[in-house]
Structures are given as structure tokens and as C-alpha cells.
Amino acid sequence: MDKRAKLNITKSIHTVIYFIMVAAVFYTFFCAVTATRNYLLLFCIILVALEGIVFFVNGRECPFTSLAKKYGDEKGYVGDMFVSRRIAESTFKVFGVVFFLSVIILFLGKA
């Protein structure tokens, strides 16, 4: 398999993971505002927490970035398959705040 194909696979996998994480954050928010508590909520919280740990353990860089560079992407940017760079760059800021507030609401039981 050539480098370009590997790069496309890397970016595709990253995009799928991105949308799964977005869904997990939105589900956590949904549960917070509807006072829903279930195993899927717990799974989503664990999933987002693990993503955060991986991100910070890897020096605040997505592990897919080094793969993208290895397979020929000059910038090492992996979010450009289906998500614009502008959206991807604000992901941690926006979704981090939404997730953090959702967990606080869930913890306090205010919903």
C-alpha cells in the first residue's frame, strides 16, 4: 500500500473517531439537560476522558498527527477529510467547555 493510501486511511479513521467523540459530548450534554442517567452516559464520559488522557499524554497533540506526517502530510494535519481546519482547531475549546459543564450539571444533579 502506498503512502497516499495510508494517509487517506489515517485521515478517515481520525474523522470517524472525531464524529464518535462529538456524539459522546452531545449525548453527555443531552443527559445533563434531561436528567438522564444510564450506562451509555457512563460510556461516553469514560470515552471522552480517555481521549483527553491520550491527547495530554501525547504532548497535547493527536497521535494521528505523527502518522499523517509519516505518510506524507507536510503539516501533519489529519482533520481535513470532512471537517474544516477552522472547526477542528476549535474542537477542544468548544466541546471541552460543553463537556465540562455537562459533567458539572450531572454531578450537581441540577437538571
N, C-alpha and C. Protein backbone atom coordinates (compact mmCIF):
# COMPACT_ATOMS: atom_id res chain seq x y z
N MET A 1 0.85 -1.17 0.00
CA MET A 1 0.00 0.00 0.00
C MET A 1 0.90 1.24 0.00
N ASP A 2 0.59 2.21 -0.85
CA ASP A 2 1.44 3.40 -0.93
C ASP A 2 1.11 4.40 0.19
N LYS A 3 2.00 5.38 0.35
CA LYS A 3 1.85 6.36 1.44
C LYS A 3 0.55 7.15 1.33
N ARG A 4 0.16 7.50 0.13
CA ARG A 4 -1.06 8.30 -0.05
C ARG A 4 -2.29 7.53 0.44
N ALA A 5 -2.34 6.25 0.13
CA ALA A 5 -3.46 5.42 0.59
C ALA A 5 -3.45 5.30 2.11
N LYS A 6 -2.26 5.13 2.70
CA LYS A 6 -2.15 5.06 4.16
C LYS A 6 -2.56 6.38 4.80
N LEU A 7 -2.20 7.48 4.17
CA LEU A 7 -2.60 8.79 4.68
C LEU A 7 -4.12 8.94 4.63
N ASN A 8 -4.73 8.52 3.55
CA ASN A 8 -6.19 8.61 3.44
C ASN A 8 -6.88 7.72 4.48
N ILE A 9 -6.34 6.54 4.72
CA ILE A 9 -6.91 5.66 5.74
C ILE A 9 -6.76 6.30 7.12
N THR A 10 -5.58 6.85 7.40
CA THR A 10 -5.33 7.53 8.68
C THR A 10 -6.33 8.66 8.88
N LYS A 11 -6.52 9.48 7.86
CA LYS A 11 -7.45 10.61 7.97
C LYS A 11 -8.89 10.13 8.11
N SER A 12 -9.24 9.06 7.42
CA SER A 12 -10.60 8.52 7.52
C SER A 12 -10.88 7.99 8.92
N ILE A 13 -9.93 7.23 9.47
CA ILE A 13 -10.10 6.71 10.83
C ILE A 13 -10.20 7.86 11.82
N HIS A 14 -9.36 8.86 11.65
CA HIS A 14 -9.39 10.02 12.54
C HIS A 14 -10.74 10.72 12.46
N THR A 15 -11.29 10.85 11.27
CA THR A 15 -12.57 11.52 11.10
C THR A 15 -13.69 10.73 11.78
N VAL A 16 -13.66 9.42 11.66
CA VAL A 16 -14.67 8.59 12.33
C VAL A 16 -14.57 8.76 13.85
N ILE A 17 -13.36 8.72 14.37
CA ILE A 17 -13.16 8.92 15.81
C ILE A 17 -13.66 10.30 16.22
N TYR A 18 -13.37 11.31 15.41
CA TYR A 18 -13.82 12.68 15.69
C TYR A 18 -15.34 12.73 15.85
N PHE A 19 -16.06 12.13 14.91
CA PHE A 19 -17.52 12.18 14.99
C PHE A 19 -18.07 11.35 16.14
N ILE A 20 -17.41 10.26 16.50
CA ILE A 20 -17.81 9.49 17.67
C ILE A 20 -17.64 10.33 18.93
N MET A 21 -16.52 11.05 19.02
CA MET A 21 -16.29 11.89 20.19
C MET A 21 -17.28 13.05 20.27
N VAL A 22 -17.61 13.63 19.12
CA VAL A 22 -18.62 14.70 19.09
C VAL A 22 -19.96 14.15 19.59
N ALA A 23 -20.32 12.96 19.12
CA ALA A 23 -21.57 12.34 19.55
C ALA A 23 -21.56 12.07 21.06
N ALA A 24 -20.41 11.64 21.59
CA ALA A 24 -20.29 11.38 23.02
C ALA A 24 -20.48 12.65 23.84
N VAL A 25 -19.90 13.74 23.37
CA VAL A 25 -20.05 15.02 24.08
C VAL A 25 -21.51 15.49 24.02
N PHE A 26 -22.12 15.41 22.85
CA PHE A 26 -23.52 15.83 22.73
C PHE A 26 -24.45 14.95 23.54
N TYR A 27 -24.17 13.65 23.60
CA TYR A 27 -25.02 12.78 24.41
C TYR A 27 -24.87 13.11 25.89
N THR A 28 -23.67 13.42 26.31
CA THR A 28 -23.44 13.82 27.70
C THR A 28 -24.22 15.09 28.01
N PHE A 29 -24.19 16.04 27.08
CA PHE A 29 -24.96 17.27 27.26
C PHE A 29 -26.46 16.98 27.32
N PHE A 30 -26.93 16.13 26.40
CA PHE A 30 -28.35 15.75 26.39
C PHE A 30 -28.75 15.15 27.73
N CYS A 31 -27.93 14.25 28.25
CA CYS A 31 -28.23 13.62 29.54
C CYS A 31 -28.24 14.64 30.67
N ALA A 32 -27.36 15.61 30.59
CA ALA A 32 -27.32 16.65 31.63
C ALA A 32 -28.60 17.47 31.64
N VAL A 33 -29.08 17.87 30.48
CA VAL A 33 -30.27 18.73 30.45
C VAL A 33 -31.57 17.96 30.61
N THR A 34 -31.55 16.64 30.41
CA THR A 34 -32.77 15.85 30.57
C THR A 34 -32.73 14.97 31.82
N ALA A 35 -31.69 15.11 32.62
CA ALA A 35 -31.51 14.33 33.85
C ALA A 35 -31.54 12.83 33.57
N THR A 36 -30.99 12.43 32.46
CA THR A 36 -30.91 11.03 32.08
C THR A 36 -29.63 10.43 32.65
N ARG A 37 -29.77 9.27 33.25
CA ARG A 37 -28.60 8.55 33.77
C ARG A 37 -28.69 7.11 33.27
N ASN A 38 -27.67 6.66 32.56
CA ASN A 38 -27.65 5.29 32.06
C ASN A 38 -26.22 4.87 31.75
N TYR A 39 -26.08 3.62 31.31
CA TYR A 39 -24.74 3.11 31.02
C TYR A 39 -24.12 3.76 29.80
N LEU A 40 -24.92 4.18 28.85
CA LEU A 40 -24.37 4.86 27.68
C LEU A 40 -23.74 6.19 28.09
N LEU A 41 -24.36 6.88 29.02
CA LEU A 41 -23.78 8.12 29.54
C LEU A 41 -22.43 7.84 30.19
N LEU A 42 -22.36 6.81 31.02
CA LEU A 42 -21.10 6.45 31.66
C LEU A 42 -20.04 6.12 30.60
N PHE A 43 -20.43 5.36 29.59
CA PHE A 43 -19.51 5.02 28.50
C PHE A 43 -19.00 6.27 27.80
N CYS A 44 -19.89 7.22 27.52
CA CYS A 44 -19.49 8.46 26.84
C CYS A 44 -18.52 9.28 27.69
N ILE A 45 -18.79 9.36 28.98
CA ILE A 45 -17.89 10.11 29.88
C ILE A 45 -16.51 9.45 29.91
N ILE A 46 -16.48 8.14 30.01
CA ILE A 46 -15.20 7.43 30.02
C ILE A 46 -14.48 7.62 28.69
N LEU A 47 -15.21 7.55 27.59
CA LEU A 47 -14.63 7.71 26.26
C LEU A 47 -13.98 9.09 26.11
N VAL A 48 -14.68 10.13 26.52
CA VAL A 48 -14.14 11.49 26.40
C VAL A 48 -12.96 11.67 27.35
N ALA A 49 -13.05 11.11 28.53
CA ALA A 49 -11.94 11.21 29.48
C ALA A 49 -10.69 10.50 28.92
N LEU A 50 -10.87 9.34 28.34
CA LEU A 50 -9.74 8.62 27.74
C LEU A 50 -9.13 9.41 26.58
N GLU A 51 -9.98 10.02 25.78
CA GLU A 51 -9.49 10.85 24.67
C GLU A 51 -8.63 12.00 25.22
N GLY A 52 -9.09 12.62 26.29
CA GLY A 52 -8.32 13.70 26.91
C GLY A 52 -6.99 13.22 27.44
N ILE A 53 -6.99 12.06 28.06
CA ILE A 53 -5.75 11.50 28.58
C ILE A 53 -4.77 11.21 27.45
N VAL A 54 -5.25 10.58 26.39
CA VAL A 54 -4.39 10.29 25.24
C VAL A 54 -3.81 11.58 24.67
N PHE A 55 -4.64 12.58 24.54
CA PHE A 55 -4.21 13.87 23.99
C PHE A 55 -3.10 14.49 24.85
N PHE A 56 -3.30 14.53 26.15
CA PHE A 56 -2.31 15.17 27.02
C PHE A 56 -1.05 14.32 27.21
N VAL A 57 -1.19 13.01 27.26
CA VAL A 57 -0.02 12.14 27.37
C VAL A 57 0.86 12.26 26.12
N ASN A 58 0.22 12.54 24.99
CA ASN A 58 0.94 12.67 23.72
C ASN A 58 1.43 14.11 23.48
N GLY A 59 1.59 14.86 24.54
CA GLY A 59 2.13 16.22 24.41
C GLY A 59 1.14 17.20 23.79
N ARG A 60 -0.13 17.03 24.09
CA ARG A 60 -1.21 17.90 23.57
C ARG A 60 -1.25 17.89 22.05
N GLU A 61 -0.97 16.72 21.51
CA GLU A 61 -1.05 16.54 20.06
C GLU A 61 -1.74 15.21 19.79
N CYS A 62 -2.59 15.21 18.81
CA CYS A 62 -3.27 13.99 18.43
C CYS A 62 -2.26 12.96 17.92
N PRO A 63 -2.35 11.72 18.37
CA PRO A 63 -1.42 10.69 17.89
C PRO A 63 -1.49 10.48 16.37
N PHE A 64 -2.60 10.80 15.77
CA PHE A 64 -2.74 10.66 14.33
C PHE A 64 -1.91 11.69 13.57
N THR A 65 -1.50 12.75 14.23
CA THR A 65 -0.68 13.78 13.59
C THR A 65 0.66 13.20 13.15
N SER A 66 1.30 12.44 14.04
CA SER A 66 2.60 11.85 13.67
C SER A 66 2.43 10.82 12.55
N LEU A 67 1.32 10.09 12.55
CA LEU A 67 1.06 9.16 11.46
C LEU A 67 0.87 9.90 10.14
N ALA A 68 0.13 11.00 10.19
CA ALA A 68 -0.08 11.78 8.96
C ALA A 68 1.24 12.29 8.40
N LYS A 69 2.11 12.76 9.28
CA LYS A 69 3.43 13.21 8.84
C LYS A 69 4.23 12.06 8.25
N LYS A 70 4.17 10.92 8.89
CA LYS A 70 4.89 9.74 8.42
C LYS A 70 4.44 9.34 7.02
N TYR A 71 3.15 9.53 6.74
CA TYR A 71 2.60 9.13 5.44
C TYR A 71 2.56 10.26 4.42
N GLY A 72 3.24 11.36 4.72
CA GLY A 72 3.46 12.37 3.70
C GLY A 72 2.72 13.68 3.82
N ASP A 73 1.93 13.86 4.85
CA ASP A 73 1.25 15.14 5.01
C ASP A 73 2.25 16.13 5.61
N GLU A 74 2.54 17.19 4.87
CA GLU A 74 3.56 18.15 5.30
C GLU A 74 3.23 18.78 6.64
N LYS A 75 1.98 19.10 6.86
CA LYS A 75 1.57 19.78 8.09
C LYS A 75 1.26 18.80 9.21
N GLY A 76 1.05 17.53 8.85
CA GLY A 76 0.65 16.57 9.85
C GLY A 76 -0.76 16.78 10.31
N TYR A 77 -1.54 17.40 9.47
CA TYR A 77 -2.92 17.73 9.83
C TYR A 77 -3.84 16.61 9.38
N VAL A 78 -4.62 16.06 10.30
CA VAL A 78 -5.44 14.90 9.97
C VAL A 78 -6.93 15.19 9.92
N GLY A 79 -7.32 16.40 10.22
CA GLY A 79 -8.75 16.69 10.31
C GLY A 79 -9.38 17.23 9.04
N ASP A 80 -8.66 17.21 7.94
CA ASP A 80 -9.18 17.89 6.76
C ASP A 80 -9.95 17.00 5.78
N MET A 81 -10.28 15.77 6.16
CA MET A 81 -11.05 14.91 5.25
C MET A 81 -12.48 15.44 5.11
N PHE A 82 -13.17 15.60 6.24
CA PHE A 82 -14.57 16.00 6.20
C PHE A 82 -14.86 17.18 7.11
N VAL A 83 -13.89 17.60 7.87
CA VAL A 83 -14.07 18.70 8.82
C VAL A 83 -13.07 19.79 8.46
N SER A 84 -13.55 21.02 8.38
CA SER A 84 -12.64 22.11 8.03
C SER A 84 -11.62 22.34 9.15
N ARG A 85 -10.49 22.89 8.80
CA ARG A 85 -9.44 23.14 9.79
C ARG A 85 -9.93 24.09 10.88
N ARG A 86 -10.71 25.07 10.49
CA ARG A 86 -11.24 26.05 11.46
C ARG A 86 -12.09 25.35 12.52
N ILE A 87 -12.94 24.43 12.09
CA ILE A 87 -13.77 23.70 13.05
C ILE A 87 -12.89 22.80 13.92
N ALA A 88 -11.97 22.09 13.30
CA ALA A 88 -11.11 21.17 14.04
C ALA A 88 -10.26 21.90 15.08
N GLU A 89 -9.79 23.09 14.76
CA GLU A 89 -8.94 23.84 15.69
C GLU A 89 -9.70 24.32 16.91
N SER A 90 -11.01 24.50 16.80
CA SER A 90 -11.80 24.96 17.94
C SER A 90 -12.46 23.81 18.69
N THR A 91 -12.20 22.60 18.25
CA THR A 91 -12.85 21.44 18.85
C THR A 91 -12.64 21.35 20.35
N PHE A 92 -11.40 21.39 20.81
CA PHE A 92 -11.14 21.21 22.24
C PHE A 92 -11.71 22.35 23.06
N LYS A 93 -11.68 23.55 22.53
CA LYS A 93 -12.23 24.69 23.27
C LYS A 93 -13.74 24.55 23.42
N VAL A 94 -14.43 24.38 22.31
CA VAL A 94 -15.90 24.34 22.33
C VAL A 94 -16.41 23.09 23.03
N PHE A 95 -15.98 21.93 22.55
CA PHE A 95 -16.51 20.69 23.11
C PHE A 95 -16.00 20.44 24.52
N GLY A 96 -14.82 20.94 24.83
CA GLY A 96 -14.31 20.83 26.20
C GLY A 96 -15.19 21.57 27.18
N VAL A 97 -15.60 22.77 26.83
CA VAL A 97 -16.48 23.56 27.69
C VAL A 97 -17.85 22.88 27.82
N VAL A 98 -18.40 22.45 26.70
CA VAL A 98 -19.72 21.78 26.72
C VAL A 98 -19.65 20.53 27.59
N PHE A 99 -18.61 19.74 27.41
CA PHE A 99 -18.48 18.50 28.18
C PHE A 99 -18.29 18.81 29.67
N PHE A 100 -17.41 19.74 29.98
CA PHE A 100 -17.14 20.09 31.37
C PHE A 100 -18.41 20.58 32.07
N LEU A 101 -19.14 21.47 31.42
CA LEU A 101 -20.39 21.97 32.02
C LEU A 101 -21.42 20.87 32.16
N SER A 102 -21.48 19.98 31.20
CA SER A 102 -22.41 18.86 31.27
C SER A 102 -22.11 17.97 32.47
N VAL A 103 -20.85 17.67 32.68
CA VAL A 103 -20.46 16.83 33.81
C VAL A 103 -20.76 17.53 35.13
N ILE A 104 -20.53 18.82 35.19
CA ILE A 104 -20.86 19.57 36.41
C ILE A 104 -22.36 19.51 36.69
N ILE A 105 -23.16 19.73 35.67
CA ILE A 105 -24.62 19.66 35.84
C ILE A 105 -25.03 18.26 36.29
N LEU A 106 -24.46 17.24 35.67
CA LEU A 106 -24.77 15.87 36.07
C LEU A 106 -24.37 15.60 37.51
N PHE A 107 -23.19 16.07 37.89
CA PHE A 107 -22.68 15.85 39.24
C PHE A 107 -23.54 16.56 40.29
N LEU A 108 -23.94 17.78 39.96
CA LEU A 108 -24.75 18.54 40.91
C LEU A 108 -26.21 18.12 40.91
N GLY A 109 -26.62 17.41 39.86
CA GLY A 109 -28.00 16.94 39.77
C GLY A 109 -29.01 18.05 39.62
N LYS A 110 -28.61 19.13 38.94
CA LYS A 110 -29.50 20.29 38.79
C LYS A 110 -30.50 20.14 37.65
N ALA A 111 -30.31 19.17 36.78
CA ALA A 111 -31.23 19.03 35.64
C ALA A 111 -32.48 18.28 36.04
